[in-house]
Amino acid sequence: MQENKNIFNALLGKMIVTKEGKRLGFLKDITFETKSGELVNLIVKDATPYTKNLNLERTNSNDLLISYSAIIAIGDFIIVSEEDLI
């Protein structure tokens, strides 16, 4: 279980970019469905001005949400498909 916690902590703070290289912000947290454990959304912190061009859902505290299904790859960056965001 400790190994999984380290993986999650390693993701926090990673830059989120589109596959075209446009920066969206940094990973603040991940939401999930408590009953199934299914990952639902990425919560973005320090959103860039580019995100204003996208129609992204927001949390009650005005943080941006990116659907987990939009993720293409995770490495040095979290890469998402912009087509899946719109």
C-alpha atoms as a PDB file:
ATOM      1  CA  MET A   1       0.000   0.000   0.000  1.00  0.00           C
ATOM      2  CA  GLN A   2       2.873   2.385   0.763  1.00  0.00           C
ATOM      3  CA  GLU A   3       4.118   1.987  -2.836  1.00  0.00           C
ATOM      4  CA  ASN A   4       0.784   3.271  -4.240  1.00  0.00           C
ATOM      5  CA  LYS A   5       0.900   6.300  -1.955  1.00  0.00           C
ATOM      6  CA  ASN A   6       4.333   7.216  -3.289  1.00  0.00           C
ATOM      7  CA  ILE A   7       3.079   7.006  -6.880  1.00  0.00           C
ATOM      8  CA  PHE A   8       0.208   9.388  -6.073  1.00  0.00           C
ATOM      9  CA  ASN A   9       2.552  11.844  -4.352  1.00  0.00           C
ATOM     10  CA  ALA A  10       4.860  11.725  -7.378  1.00  0.00           C
ATOM     11  CA  LEU A  11       1.954  12.862  -9.608  1.00  0.00           C
ATOM     12  CA  LEU A  12       0.993  15.857  -7.473  1.00  0.00           C
ATOM     13  CA  GLY A  13       2.441  19.072  -8.851  1.00  0.00           C
ATOM     14  CA  LYS A  14       3.153  17.666 -12.327  1.00  0.00           C
ATOM     15  CA  MET A  15       2.525  20.031 -15.217  1.00  0.00           C
ATOM     16  CA  ILE A  16      -0.572  19.216 -17.277  1.00  0.00           C
ATOM     17  CA  VAL A  17      -0.139  19.882 -21.007  1.00  0.00           C
ATOM     18  CA  THR A  18      -2.100  19.152 -24.157  1.00  0.00           C
ATOM     19  CA  LYS A  19      -0.622  16.808 -26.754  1.00  0.00           C
ATOM     20  CA  GLU A  20       0.037  19.983 -28.792  1.00  0.00           C
ATOM     21  CA  GLY A  21       2.231  21.260 -25.931  1.00  0.00           C
ATOM     22  CA  LYS A  22      -0.084  23.925 -24.503  1.00  0.00           C
ATOM     23  CA  ARG A  23       0.293  24.257 -20.752  1.00  0.00           C
ATOM     24  CA  LEU A  24      -2.873  24.039 -18.675  1.00  0.00           C
ATOM     25  CA  GLY A  25      -1.554  24.125 -15.101  1.00  0.00           C
ATOM     26  CA  PHE A  26      -0.383  21.713 -12.416  1.00  0.00           C
ATOM     27  CA  LEU A  27      -2.040  18.691 -10.808  1.00  0.00           C
ATOM     28  CA  LYS A  28      -3.548  19.644  -7.450  1.00  0.00           C
ATOM     29  CA  ASP A  29      -5.542  16.482  -6.738  1.00  0.00           C
ATOM     30  CA  ILE A  30      -7.491  13.608  -8.291  1.00  0.00           C
ATOM     31  CA  THR A  31     -11.178  12.888  -7.632  1.00  0.00           C
ATOM     32  CA  PHE A  32     -12.540   9.361  -7.656  1.00  0.00           C
ATOM     33  CA  GLU A  33     -15.784   7.477  -7.187  1.00  0.00           C
ATOM     34  CA  THR A  34     -15.660   6.122  -3.634  1.00  0.00           C
ATOM     35  CA  LYS A  35     -17.715   2.983  -4.259  1.00  0.00           C
ATOM     36  CA  SER A  36     -15.900   1.743  -7.362  1.00  0.00           C
ATOM     37  CA  GLY A  37     -12.514   3.451  -6.938  1.00  0.00           C
ATOM     38  CA  GLU A  38     -12.809   4.765 -10.510  1.00  0.00           C
ATOM     39  CA  LEU A  39     -10.717   7.880 -11.151  1.00  0.00           C
ATOM     40  CA  VAL A  40     -12.952  10.709 -12.348  1.00  0.00           C
ATOM     41  CA  ASN A  41     -11.178  14.075 -12.651  1.00  0.00           C
ATOM     42  CA  LEU A  42      -7.867  15.846 -12.328  1.00  0.00           C
ATOM     43  CA  ILE A  43      -8.038  19.059 -10.310  1.00  0.00           C
ATOM     44  CA  VAL A  44      -5.847  21.805 -11.771  1.00  0.00           C
ATOM     45  CA  LYS A  45      -4.006  24.438  -9.758  1.00  0.00           C
ATOM     46  CA  ASP A  46      -2.292  27.538 -11.138  1.00  0.00           C
ATOM     47  CA  ALA A  47      -4.327  27.331 -14.351  1.00  0.00           C
ATOM     48  CA  THR A  48      -2.767  29.156 -17.286  1.00  0.00           C
ATOM     49  CA  PRO A  49      -4.582  31.856 -19.292  1.00  0.00           C
ATOM     50  CA  TYR A  50      -4.999  29.303 -22.122  1.00  0.00           C
ATOM     51  CA  THR A  51      -7.576  27.411 -20.042  1.00  0.00           C
ATOM     52  CA  LYS A  52      -9.981  30.344 -20.480  1.00  0.00           C
ATOM     53  CA  ASN A  53     -10.325  29.226 -24.134  1.00  0.00           C
ATOM     54  CA  LEU A  54     -11.595  25.845 -22.946  1.00  0.00           C
ATOM     55  CA  ASN A  55     -14.997  25.156 -21.481  1.00  0.00           C
ATOM     56  CA  LEU A  56     -13.772  23.239 -18.439  1.00  0.00           C
ATOM     57  CA  GLU A  57     -15.958  22.282 -15.514  1.00  0.00           C
ATOM     58  CA  ARG A  58     -15.128  23.858 -12.147  1.00  0.00           C
ATOM     59  CA  THR A  59     -15.339  22.736  -8.529  1.00  0.00           C
ATOM     60  CA  ASN A  60     -17.233  24.652  -5.839  1.00  0.00           C
ATOM     61  CA  SER A  61     -13.917  26.298  -4.920  1.00  0.00           C
ATOM     62  CA  ASN A  62     -13.462  27.400  -8.580  1.00  0.00           C
ATOM     63  CA  ASP A  63     -10.668  24.908  -9.384  1.00  0.00           C
ATOM     64  CA  LEU A  64     -10.668  23.550 -12.941  1.00  0.00           C
ATOM     65  CA  LEU A  65     -11.529  19.900 -13.615  1.00  0.00           C
ATOM     66  CA  ILE A  66     -10.109  17.762 -16.408  1.00  0.00           C
ATOM     67  CA  SER A  67     -11.752  14.415 -17.086  1.00  0.00           C
ATOM     68  CA  TYR A  68      -9.449  11.517 -16.253  1.00  0.00           C
ATOM     69  CA  SER A  69     -10.428   9.942 -19.589  1.00  0.00           C
ATOM     70  CA  ALA A  70      -8.651  12.798 -21.413  1.00  0.00           C
ATOM     71  CA  ILE A  71      -5.236  11.572 -20.194  1.00  0.00           C
ATOM     72  CA  ILE A  72      -3.020  10.235 -22.974  1.00  0.00           C
ATOM     73  CA  ALA A  73       0.214   9.662 -21.055  1.00  0.00           C
ATOM     74  CA  ILE A  74       1.929  10.343 -17.739  1.00  0.00           C
ATOM     75  CA  GLY A  75       5.666  10.886 -17.540  1.00  0.00           C
ATOM     76  CA  ASP A  76       7.539  14.115 -16.844  1.00  0.00           C
ATOM     77  CA  PHE A  77       4.219  15.790 -17.718  1.00  0.00           C
ATOM     78  CA  ILE A  78       0.588  14.705 -17.669  1.00  0.00           C
ATOM     79  CA  ILE A  79      -0.446  14.824 -21.320  1.00  0.00           C
ATOM     80  CA  VAL A  80      -4.122  15.232 -22.173  1.00  0.00           C
ATOM     81  CA  SER A  81      -6.092  15.306 -25.400  1.00  0.00           C
ATOM     82  CA  GLU A  82      -7.529  18.773 -25.960  1.00  0.00           C
ATOM     83  CA  GLU A  83     -10.290  17.284 -28.133  1.00  0.00           C
ATOM     84  CA  ASP A  84     -11.515  15.355 -25.092  1.00  0.00           C
ATOM     85  CA  LEU A  85     -11.660  18.554 -23.022  1.00  0.00           C
ATOM     86  CA  ILE A  86     -14.096  20.453 -25.235  1.00  0.00           C
END
